[in-house]
Amino acid sequence: MFIANISIRNFRGFSKTKVIEFNEKLNIFIGHNNSGKTSIIKALQILFDTSFSKKLNINDFNRQISIDELKENPPSITISSLLKESIDEKEYSEDIVLVSTLLTKIERPYEAKITYEFFLPEKEIEDYK
């Protein structure tokens, strides 16, 4: 399997939903300072690195959200990734077993989706407002 894309919303410099597509083999991030390269790596760490802390800090929230938007709704962050079966992958490979509970497409080529969401629980929204 390989990471086919990552979707990022309200995380660091990404305000609107941004989907970054990946190639099956090698991917290289090139861009100006503050263009989001490190944010993409951090988002991938949140999803896939079990030794990486899932705790967010104030700098992880998008700063382009207006005060009016924050008064209406509490901030939230969504990061998700689509995993696809590799072209030359063996049938019922270890990768498929590893992501079996995340499968969104069970016929070949298999697909799986993993999502991380940070949001204020519904019972707390009234107090927030």
Protein backbone atom coordinates (compact mmCIF):
# COMPACT_ATOMS: atom_id res chain seq x y z
CA MET A 1 0.00 0.00 0.00
CA PHE A 2 1.01 3.58 -0.43
CA ILE A 3 -0.25 6.95 0.76
CA ALA A 4 -2.29 8.24 -2.19
CA ASN A 5 -3.17 11.62 -0.67
CA ILE A 6 -3.54 13.64 2.48
CA SER A 7 -6.37 16.06 3.17
CA ILE A 8 -5.72 18.87 5.66
CA ARG A 9 -8.25 21.39 7.04
CA ASN A 10 -7.60 24.18 9.58
CA PHE A 11 -4.15 22.82 10.45
CA ARG A 12 -1.35 25.36 10.69
CA GLY A 13 -1.22 27.29 7.38
CA PHE A 14 -4.05 25.33 5.75
CA SER A 15 -7.38 27.08 6.34
CA LYS A 16 -9.63 25.57 3.70
CA THR A 17 -9.48 21.86 2.90
CA LYS A 18 -6.31 21.15 0.94
CA VAL A 19 -5.73 17.76 -0.69
CA ILE A 20 -2.15 16.85 -1.60
CA GLU A 21 -1.79 13.93 -4.02
CA PHE A 22 1.18 11.55 -3.75
CA ASN A 23 2.89 9.26 -6.24
CA GLU A 24 3.30 5.59 -5.44
CA LYS A 25 7.10 5.73 -5.39
CA LEU A 26 9.05 8.86 -4.45
CA ASN A 27 7.60 12.21 -3.36
CA ILE A 28 9.62 15.39 -2.81
CA PHE A 29 8.36 18.59 -1.19
CA ILE A 30 9.78 21.77 -2.66
CA GLY A 31 8.57 25.26 -1.80
CA HIS A 32 9.28 28.64 -0.30
CA ASN A 33 9.61 29.17 3.42
CA ASN A 34 6.22 29.02 5.16
CA SER A 35 4.57 27.29 2.20
CA GLY A 36 3.45 24.26 4.24
CA LYS A 37 6.17 21.63 3.74
CA THR A 38 6.72 21.03 7.46
CA SER A 39 2.97 21.14 8.12
CA ILE A 40 2.45 18.28 5.67
CA ILE A 41 5.15 16.24 7.42
CA LYS A 42 3.60 16.98 10.85
CA ALA A 43 0.16 15.99 9.55
CA LEU A 44 1.59 12.69 8.27
CA GLN A 45 3.24 12.14 11.67
CA ILE A 46 -0.08 12.67 13.46
CA LEU A 47 -1.71 10.02 11.26
CA PHE A 48 1.03 7.40 10.97
CA ASP A 49 3.77 7.83 13.61
CA THR A 50 2.69 5.96 16.74
CA SER A 51 5.58 7.47 18.73
CA PHE A 52 4.58 11.03 17.79
CA SER A 53 2.39 12.90 20.29
CA LYS A 54 -1.15 13.57 19.04
CA LYS A 55 -1.38 16.58 21.36
CA LEU A 56 -1.85 19.85 19.54
CA ASN A 57 -0.59 23.24 20.63
CA ILE A 58 -1.77 26.74 19.82
CA ASN A 59 0.53 26.94 16.78
CA ASP A 60 -1.21 23.95 15.17
CA PHE A 61 -4.46 25.88 14.73
CA ASN A 62 -4.96 27.91 11.59
CA ARG A 63 -4.49 31.61 12.28
CA GLN A 64 -6.53 32.80 9.31
CA ILE A 65 -9.80 32.03 11.08
CA SER A 66 -11.55 35.29 11.91
CA ILE A 67 -12.82 36.24 15.35
CA ASP A 68 -16.36 36.22 13.96
CA GLU A 69 -15.92 32.62 12.73
CA LEU A 70 -14.53 31.62 16.14
CA LYS A 71 -17.50 33.24 17.87
CA GLU A 72 -19.85 31.14 15.71
CA ASN A 73 -18.03 27.81 16.02
CA PRO A 74 -15.10 26.47 18.01
CA PRO A 75 -11.93 25.67 16.05
CA SER A 76 -11.51 22.18 14.63
CA ILE A 77 -8.79 20.36 12.71
CA THR A 78 -9.24 17.46 10.31
CA ILE A 79 -6.44 15.44 8.76
CA SER A 80 -7.18 12.36 6.67
CA SER A 81 -5.30 10.18 4.24
CA LEU A 82 -6.27 7.73 1.54
CA LEU A 83 -4.16 4.57 1.26
CA LYS A 84 -4.25 2.53 -1.94
CA GLU A 85 -3.04 -0.93 -2.84
CA SER A 86 0.21 -0.89 -4.81
CA ILE A 87 0.16 -2.19 -8.37
CA ASP A 88 2.55 -5.07 -7.67
CA GLU A 89 1.27 -5.88 -4.18
CA LYS A 90 0.56 -9.54 -3.36
CA GLU A 91 -3.04 -10.51 -2.77
CA TYR A 92 -3.83 -10.44 0.98
CA SER A 93 -0.49 -8.83 1.79
CA GLU A 94 0.51 -7.85 5.32
CA ASP A 95 -0.37 -4.23 4.45
CA ILE A 96 -3.99 -5.20 3.79
CA VAL A 97 -4.16 -7.03 7.11
CA LEU A 98 -2.66 -4.01 8.88
CA VAL A 99 -5.34 -1.62 7.56
CA SER A 100 -8.22 -4.09 7.39
CA THR A 101 -10.37 -2.12 9.83
CA LEU A 102 -9.83 1.07 7.79
CA LEU A 103 -10.82 -0.35 4.39
CA THR A 104 -13.26 1.74 2.38
CA LYS A 105 -13.02 -0.36 -0.78
CA ILE A 106 -12.75 -4.12 -0.38
CA GLU A 107 -12.34 -5.12 -4.02
CA ARG A 108 -8.97 -4.77 -5.69
CA PRO A 109 -7.29 -2.35 -5.75
CA TYR A 110 -8.04 -1.98 -2.03
CA GLU A 111 -8.39 1.44 -0.44
CA ALA A 112 -8.31 2.51 3.19
CA LYS A 113 -8.83 5.84 4.91
CA ILE A 114 -7.44 7.07 8.20
CA THR A 115 -8.71 10.27 9.83
CA TYR A 116 -7.66 12.42 12.78
CA GLU A 117 -10.13 15.02 14.04
CA PHE A 118 -9.77 17.56 16.79
CA PHE A 119 -13.02 19.22 17.84
CA LEU A 120 -14.84 20.47 20.88
CA PRO A 121 -17.38 17.88 22.14
CA GLU A 122 -21.01 18.81 21.41
CA LYS A 123 -21.85 19.06 25.12
CA GLU A 124 -19.24 21.83 25.47
CA ILE A 125 -20.30 23.97 22.51
CA GLU A 126 -23.00 25.90 24.39
CA ASP A 127 -20.49 26.88 27.10
CA TYR A 128 -18.02 27.86 24.40
CA LYS A 129 -20.49 30.22 22.75
